Amino acid sequence: MALKANMAKLLASEASWEAANVALQSHGGFGFAEEYDIERKFRETRLFQVAPISTNLILSYVGQHVLKMPRSF
């Protein structure tokens, strides 16, 4: 169950980041204007990659528990 939840969060955070990046790119310089809310969404999607658990910790979990890679210290 933990693997599925971790992978779902990883996929969702990456999809959100990609969508925000495309929206910002599509709006060009206006993407940074506060009137369009693109810049706020762009900042919020970054939060999904670090909270409540970072993508690095998810990748570490997958590496150790699924791929059986050794822990590094």
N, C-alpha and C. Protein backbone atom coordinates (compact mmCIF):
# COMPACT_ATOMS: atom_id res chain seq x y z
N MET A 1 0.82 -1.19 0.00
CA MET A 1 0.00 0.00 0.00
C MET A 1 0.86 1.26 0.00
N ALA A 2 1.94 1.25 0.77
CA ALA A 2 2.81 2.43 0.83
C ALA A 2 3.43 2.71 -0.53
N LEU A 3 3.77 1.67 -1.26
CA LEU A 3 4.36 1.86 -2.58
C LEU A 3 3.37 2.55 -3.51
N LYS A 4 2.14 2.10 -3.52
CA LYS A 4 1.14 2.71 -4.41
C LYS A 4 0.88 4.17 -4.04
N ALA A 5 0.81 4.45 -2.75
CA ALA A 5 0.59 5.83 -2.31
C ALA A 5 1.78 6.71 -2.68
N ASN A 6 2.99 6.21 -2.49
CA ASN A 6 4.18 6.98 -2.84
C ASN A 6 4.26 7.23 -4.34
N MET A 7 3.98 6.22 -5.12
CA MET A 7 4.05 6.37 -6.58
C MET A 7 2.95 7.31 -7.08
N ALA A 8 1.76 7.25 -6.46
CA ALA A 8 0.67 8.16 -6.85
C ALA A 8 1.05 9.61 -6.55
N LYS A 9 1.65 9.84 -5.38
CA LYS A 9 2.06 11.19 -5.04
C LYS A 9 3.17 11.69 -5.96
N LEU A 10 4.11 10.82 -6.28
CA LEU A 10 5.19 11.20 -7.19
C LEU A 10 4.64 11.55 -8.57
N LEU A 11 3.75 10.72 -9.09
CA LEU A 11 3.17 10.97 -10.40
C LEU A 11 2.35 12.26 -10.41
N ALA A 12 1.55 12.46 -9.37
CA ALA A 12 0.72 13.66 -9.29
C ALA A 12 1.55 14.93 -9.18
N SER A 13 2.61 14.88 -8.38
CA SER A 13 3.45 16.08 -8.23
C SER A 13 4.19 16.40 -9.52
N GLU A 14 4.63 15.39 -10.23
CA GLU A 14 5.31 15.63 -11.51
C GLU A 14 4.35 16.13 -12.57
N ALA A 15 3.13 15.59 -12.60
CA ALA A 15 2.12 16.05 -13.57
C ALA A 15 1.73 17.49 -13.29
N SER A 16 1.57 17.83 -12.01
CA SER A 16 1.22 19.19 -11.63
C SER A 16 2.32 20.16 -12.02
N TRP A 17 3.55 19.78 -11.76
CA TRP A 17 4.68 20.64 -12.11
C TRP A 17 4.76 20.86 -13.62
N GLU A 18 4.57 19.79 -14.37
CA GLU A 18 4.62 19.91 -15.83
C GLU A 18 3.50 20.79 -16.36
N ALA A 19 2.29 20.63 -15.81
CA ALA A 19 1.16 21.45 -16.24
C ALA A 19 1.40 22.93 -15.93
N ALA A 20 1.93 23.21 -14.75
CA ALA A 20 2.21 24.60 -14.38
C ALA A 20 3.32 25.18 -15.25
N ASN A 21 4.29 24.37 -15.57
CA ASN A 21 5.39 24.83 -16.42
C ASN A 21 4.87 25.16 -17.83
N VAL A 22 4.00 24.32 -18.37
CA VAL A 22 3.43 24.57 -19.69
C VAL A 22 2.55 25.81 -19.67
N ALA A 23 1.76 25.98 -18.60
CA ALA A 23 0.91 27.17 -18.48
C ALA A 23 1.76 28.43 -18.44
N LEU A 24 2.82 28.40 -17.68
CA LEU A 24 3.70 29.56 -17.59
C LEU A 24 4.36 29.84 -18.93
N GLN A 25 4.81 28.81 -19.59
CA GLN A 25 5.45 28.96 -20.89
C GLN A 25 4.46 29.50 -21.92
N SER A 26 3.22 29.04 -21.86
CA SER A 26 2.19 29.48 -22.81
C SER A 26 1.85 30.95 -22.62
N HIS A 27 1.84 31.42 -21.38
CA HIS A 27 1.50 32.81 -21.10
C HIS A 27 2.69 33.75 -21.26
N GLY A 28 3.86 33.19 -21.39
CA GLY A 28 5.04 34.03 -21.58
C GLY A 28 5.27 34.95 -20.39
N GLY A 29 5.60 36.18 -20.65
CA GLY A 29 5.86 37.15 -19.59
C GLY A 29 4.63 37.45 -18.75
N PHE A 30 3.44 37.30 -19.34
CA PHE A 30 2.21 37.54 -18.58
C PHE A 30 1.98 36.45 -17.53
N GLY A 31 2.68 35.33 -17.64
CA GLY A 31 2.55 34.28 -16.64
C GLY A 31 3.03 34.71 -15.27
N PHE A 32 3.87 35.73 -15.23
CA PHE A 32 4.37 36.24 -13.95
C PHE A 32 3.53 37.39 -13.41
N ALA A 33 2.53 37.82 -14.18
CA ALA A 33 1.65 38.90 -13.71
C ALA A 33 0.67 38.34 -12.68
N GLU A 34 0.50 39.05 -11.60
CA GLU A 34 -0.39 38.58 -10.53
C GLU A 34 -1.85 38.53 -10.95
N GLU A 35 -2.24 39.25 -11.98
CA GLU A 35 -3.63 39.28 -12.42
C GLU A 35 -4.09 37.94 -13.00
N TYR A 36 -3.17 37.12 -13.47
CA TYR A 36 -3.54 35.88 -14.14
C TYR A 36 -3.45 34.64 -13.26
N ASP A 37 -2.96 34.74 -12.08
CA ASP A 37 -2.83 33.63 -11.12
C ASP A 37 -1.94 32.49 -11.58
N ILE A 38 -1.26 32.65 -12.70
CA ILE A 38 -0.36 31.59 -13.16
C ILE A 38 0.85 31.50 -12.24
N GLU A 39 1.38 32.64 -11.86
CA GLU A 39 2.57 32.61 -11.00
C GLU A 39 2.26 31.98 -9.65
N ARG A 40 1.07 32.18 -9.13
CA ARG A 40 0.70 31.55 -7.84
C ARG A 40 0.59 30.04 -7.99
N LYS A 41 -0.04 29.59 -9.06
CA LYS A 41 -0.15 28.15 -9.31
C LYS A 41 1.23 27.53 -9.52
N PHE A 42 2.09 28.27 -10.19
CA PHE A 42 3.44 27.77 -10.42
C PHE A 42 4.18 27.58 -9.10
N ARG A 43 4.05 28.53 -8.18
CA ARG A 43 4.67 28.40 -6.86
C ARG A 43 4.03 27.27 -6.05
N GLU A 44 2.73 27.13 -6.14
CA GLU A 44 2.03 26.09 -5.37
C GLU A 44 2.42 24.69 -5.83
N THR A 45 2.66 24.51 -7.12
CA THR A 45 3.00 23.17 -7.59
C THR A 45 4.36 22.72 -7.09
N ARG A 46 5.21 23.66 -6.82
CA ARG A 46 6.52 23.30 -6.23
C ARG A 46 6.34 22.72 -4.84
N LEU A 47 5.35 23.20 -4.14
CA LEU A 47 5.06 22.70 -2.80
C LEU A 47 4.71 21.21 -2.83
N PHE A 48 4.02 20.76 -3.88
CA PHE A 48 3.62 19.36 -3.97
C PHE A 48 4.82 18.42 -4.06
N GLN A 49 5.95 18.95 -4.48
CA GLN A 49 7.15 18.11 -4.60
C GLN A 49 7.92 17.99 -3.29
N VAL A 50 7.61 18.81 -2.31
CA VAL A 50 8.36 18.77 -1.05
C VAL A 50 7.50 18.48 0.17
N ALA A 51 6.20 18.59 0.07
CA ALA A 51 5.33 18.38 1.23
C ALA A 51 4.19 17.44 0.87
N PRO A 52 3.75 16.58 1.70
CA PRO A 52 4.24 16.29 3.04
C PRO A 52 5.49 15.42 3.03
N ILE A 53 5.85 14.87 1.88
CA ILE A 53 7.09 14.08 1.78
C ILE A 53 7.73 14.43 0.44
N SER A 54 9.04 14.60 0.45
CA SER A 54 9.71 15.04 -0.77
C SER A 54 9.84 13.91 -1.78
N THR A 55 9.99 14.30 -3.02
CA THR A 55 10.13 13.31 -4.08
C THR A 55 11.41 12.50 -3.92
N ASN A 56 12.44 13.10 -3.33
CA ASN A 56 13.68 12.36 -3.09
C ASN A 56 13.47 11.21 -2.10
N LEU A 57 12.65 11.45 -1.07
CA LEU A 57 12.36 10.39 -0.12
C LEU A 57 11.53 9.28 -0.77
N ILE A 58 10.64 9.65 -1.66
CA ILE A 58 9.86 8.64 -2.38
C ILE A 58 10.77 7.79 -3.25
N LEU A 59 11.66 8.44 -3.97
CA LEU A 59 12.60 7.69 -4.82
C LEU A 59 13.51 6.80 -3.98
N SER A 60 13.90 7.29 -2.82
CA SER A 60 14.72 6.49 -1.91
C SER A 60 13.95 5.26 -1.45
N TYR A 61 12.68 5.44 -1.10
CA TYR A 61 11.84 4.32 -0.66
C TYR A 61 11.72 3.28 -1.78
N VAL A 62 11.46 3.73 -2.97
CA VAL A 62 11.33 2.81 -4.11
C VAL A 62 12.64 2.07 -4.36
N GLY A 63 13.74 2.79 -4.30
CA GLY A 63 15.04 2.17 -4.51
C GLY A 63 15.35 1.09 -3.48
N GLN A 64 15.06 1.37 -2.22
CA GLN A 64 15.39 0.42 -1.15
C GLN A 64 14.41 -0.74 -1.06
N HIS A 65 13.11 -0.45 -1.14
CA HIS A 65 12.11 -1.48 -0.87
C HIS A 65 11.60 -2.21 -2.11
N VAL A 66 11.68 -1.58 -3.25
CA VAL A 66 11.18 -2.21 -4.47
C VAL A 66 12.34 -2.76 -5.30
N LEU A 67 13.33 -1.92 -5.52
CA LEU A 67 14.46 -2.34 -6.34
C LEU A 67 15.56 -3.04 -5.54
N LYS A 68 15.39 -3.06 -4.21
CA LYS A 68 16.34 -3.74 -3.30
C LYS A 68 17.76 -3.20 -3.43
N MET A 69 17.87 -1.91 -3.61
CA MET A 69 19.18 -1.28 -3.68
C MET A 69 19.70 -1.08 -2.25
N PRO A 70 21.00 -1.07 -2.07
CA PRO A 70 21.54 -0.88 -0.71
C PRO A 70 21.37 0.57 -0.26
N ARG A 71 21.27 0.74 1.05
CA ARG A 71 21.18 2.08 1.62
C ARG A 71 22.52 2.78 1.50
N SER A 72 22.48 4.05 1.28
CA SER A 72 23.74 4.83 1.26
C SER A 72 23.74 5.78 2.44
N PHE A 73 24.87 5.95 3.03
CA PHE A 73 24.98 6.82 4.20
C PHE A 73 25.88 7.97 3.91
